[in-house]
Amino acid sequence: MIDKEIVENIIENKFLSPEKFSLEIEKYVLENRCNYIEAIIFYCEENEIELETVSKLISKPLKERLKVNAESLNFLKKTSSSKTKSVI
């Protein structure tokens, strides 16, 4: 008989949660010295994840980092709240 805990670990490792995805992206940014946008694209390519499905995996803190990153790259107009923030 298969242990319930083993099955849960297999499922958890196979499927990404927003928390796990955010940790993986943070790790990728630090290891590869790239921005968050690049990290998400590279991570998705390496793990064969459709970019269209990633929105469900982006946590609020990661979304804020992406916003600041996009503003610093002039992909988005700077908002008054992010003008004082530094790029992470």
C-alpha atoms as a PDB file:
ATOM      1  CA  MET A   1       0.000   0.000   0.000  1.00  0.00           C
ATOM      2  CA  ILE A   2       1.297   3.458  -0.934  1.00  0.00           C
ATOM      3  CA  ASP A   3       1.766   5.877   1.923  1.00  0.00           C
ATOM      4  CA  LYS A   4      -0.514   8.938   1.733  1.00  0.00           C
ATOM      5  CA  GLU A   5       2.401  11.253   2.569  1.00  0.00           C
ATOM      6  CA  ILE A   6       4.451   9.877  -0.341  1.00  0.00           C
ATOM      7  CA  VAL A   7       1.559  10.490  -2.743  1.00  0.00           C
ATOM      8  CA  GLU A   8       1.125  14.048  -1.443  1.00  0.00           C
ATOM      9  CA  ASN A   9       4.852  14.723  -1.917  1.00  0.00           C
ATOM     10  CA  ILE A  10       4.728  13.406  -5.484  1.00  0.00           C
ATOM     11  CA  ILE A  11       1.727  15.600  -6.272  1.00  0.00           C
ATOM     12  CA  GLU A  12       3.320  18.649  -4.634  1.00  0.00           C
ATOM     13  CA  ASN A  13       6.542  18.173  -6.589  1.00  0.00           C
ATOM     14  CA  LYS A  14       4.720  17.647  -9.862  1.00  0.00           C
ATOM     15  CA  PHE A  15       2.386  20.639  -9.644  1.00  0.00           C
ATOM     16  CA  LEU A  16       3.436  24.199  -8.983  1.00  0.00           C
ATOM     17  CA  SER A  17       1.784  26.414  -6.409  1.00  0.00           C
ATOM     18  CA  PRO A  18       2.141  30.207  -6.476  1.00  0.00           C
ATOM     19  CA  GLU A  19       4.509  29.966  -3.503  1.00  0.00           C
ATOM     20  CA  LYS A  20       6.720  27.345  -5.126  1.00  0.00           C
ATOM     21  CA  PHE A  21       6.720  29.197  -8.452  1.00  0.00           C
ATOM     22  CA  SER A  22       7.735  32.451  -6.731  1.00  0.00           C
ATOM     23  CA  LEU A  23      10.569  30.714  -4.910  1.00  0.00           C
ATOM     24  CA  GLU A  24      11.793  29.160  -8.141  1.00  0.00           C
ATOM     25  CA  ILE A  25      11.727  32.547  -9.898  1.00  0.00           C
ATOM     26  CA  GLU A  26      13.540  34.276  -7.009  1.00  0.00           C
ATOM     27  CA  LYS A  27      16.174  31.538  -7.086  1.00  0.00           C
ATOM     28  CA  TYR A  28      16.546  31.877 -10.864  1.00  0.00           C
ATOM     29  CA  VAL A  29      16.949  35.681 -10.617  1.00  0.00           C
ATOM     30  CA  LEU A  30      19.691  35.348  -8.010  1.00  0.00           C
ATOM     31  CA  GLU A  31      21.557  32.530  -9.737  1.00  0.00           C
ATOM     32  CA  ASN A  32      21.420  33.990 -13.243  1.00  0.00           C
ATOM     33  CA  ARG A  33      21.566  37.691 -12.407  1.00  0.00           C
ATOM     34  CA  CYS A  34      18.639  38.497 -14.675  1.00  0.00           C
ATOM     35  CA  ASN A  35      15.421  40.432 -14.205  1.00  0.00           C
ATOM     36  CA  TYR A  36      12.095  38.894 -13.181  1.00  0.00           C
ATOM     37  CA  ILE A  37      10.595  39.033 -16.660  1.00  0.00           C
ATOM     38  CA  GLU A  38      13.528  37.138 -18.155  1.00  0.00           C
ATOM     39  CA  ALA A  39      13.512  34.672 -15.272  1.00  0.00           C
ATOM     40  CA  ILE A  40       9.853  33.787 -15.809  1.00  0.00           C
ATOM     41  CA  ILE A  41      10.337  33.359 -19.549  1.00  0.00           C
ATOM     42  CA  PHE A  42      13.453  31.213 -19.142  1.00  0.00           C
ATOM     43  CA  TYR A  43      11.884  29.155 -16.355  1.00  0.00           C
ATOM     44  CA  CYS A  44       8.797  28.481 -18.453  1.00  0.00           C
ATOM     45  CA  GLU A  45      10.876  27.491 -21.470  1.00  0.00           C
ATOM     46  CA  GLU A  46      13.060  25.128 -19.432  1.00  0.00           C
ATOM     47  CA  ASN A  47      10.052  23.505 -17.760  1.00  0.00           C
ATOM     48  CA  GLU A  48       7.779  23.482 -20.813  1.00  0.00           C
ATOM     49  CA  ILE A  49       5.168  25.701 -19.193  1.00  0.00           C
ATOM     50  CA  GLU A  50       2.901  27.810 -21.389  1.00  0.00           C
ATOM     51  CA  LEU A  51       3.419  31.506 -20.630  1.00  0.00           C
ATOM     52  CA  GLU A  52      -0.337  32.027 -20.871  1.00  0.00           C
ATOM     53  CA  THR A  53      -0.874  29.798 -17.826  1.00  0.00           C
ATOM     54  CA  VAL A  54       1.658  31.537 -15.594  1.00  0.00           C
ATOM     55  CA  SER A  55      -0.665  34.324 -14.476  1.00  0.00           C
ATOM     56  CA  LYS A  56      -2.316  31.883 -12.043  1.00  0.00           C
ATOM     57  CA  LEU A  57       1.061  31.195 -10.441  1.00  0.00           C
ATOM     58  CA  ILE A  58       2.199  34.777  -9.863  1.00  0.00           C
ATOM     59  CA  SER A  59       1.862  35.756  -6.213  1.00  0.00           C
ATOM     60  CA  LYS A  60       1.189  39.320  -5.102  1.00  0.00           C
ATOM     61  CA  PRO A  61       4.822  39.989  -4.032  1.00  0.00           C
ATOM     62  CA  LEU A  62       6.135  38.591  -7.316  1.00  0.00           C
ATOM     63  CA  LYS A  63       3.594  40.673  -9.233  1.00  0.00           C
ATOM     64  CA  GLU A  64       4.874  43.797  -7.465  1.00  0.00           C
ATOM     65  CA  ARG A  65       8.478  42.931  -8.344  1.00  0.00           C
ATOM     66  CA  LEU A  66       7.448  42.369 -11.959  1.00  0.00           C
ATOM     67  CA  LYS A  67       5.713  45.745 -12.021  1.00  0.00           C
ATOM     68  CA  VAL A  68       8.772  47.569 -10.670  1.00  0.00           C
ATOM     69  CA  ASN A  69      10.970  45.634 -13.088  1.00  0.00           C
ATOM     70  CA  ALA A  70       8.737  46.510 -16.059  1.00  0.00           C
ATOM     71  CA  GLU A  71       8.662  50.176 -15.054  1.00  0.00           C
ATOM     72  CA  SER A  72      12.455  50.325 -14.799  1.00  0.00           C
ATOM     73  CA  LEU A  73      12.675  48.860 -18.300  1.00  0.00           C
ATOM     74  CA  ASN A  74      10.077  51.389 -19.519  1.00  0.00           C
ATOM     75  CA  PHE A  75       7.617  48.621 -20.401  1.00  0.00           C
ATOM     76  CA  LEU A  76       5.087  50.317 -18.085  1.00  0.00           C
ATOM     77  CA  LYS A  77       4.613  53.943 -17.104  1.00  0.00           C
ATOM     78  CA  LYS A  78       5.881  54.642 -13.622  1.00  0.00           C
ATOM     79  CA  THR A  79       3.207  55.085 -10.997  1.00  0.00           C
ATOM     80  CA  SER A  80       3.581  57.495  -8.119  1.00  0.00           C
ATOM     81  CA  SER A  81       3.927  54.654  -5.585  1.00  0.00           C
ATOM     82  CA  SER A  82       6.704  52.935  -7.513  1.00  0.00           C
ATOM     83  CA  LYS A  83       8.769  56.018  -8.335  1.00  0.00           C
ATOM     84  CA  THR A  84      10.397  55.845  -4.919  1.00  0.00           C
ATOM     85  CA  LYS A  85      10.942  52.075  -4.972  1.00  0.00           C
ATOM     86  CA  SER A  86      14.224  50.657  -6.083  1.00  0.00           C
ATOM     87  CA  VAL A  87      14.442  47.802  -8.536  1.00  0.00           C
ATOM     88  CA  ILE A  88      14.920  44.496  -6.796  1.00  0.00           C
END
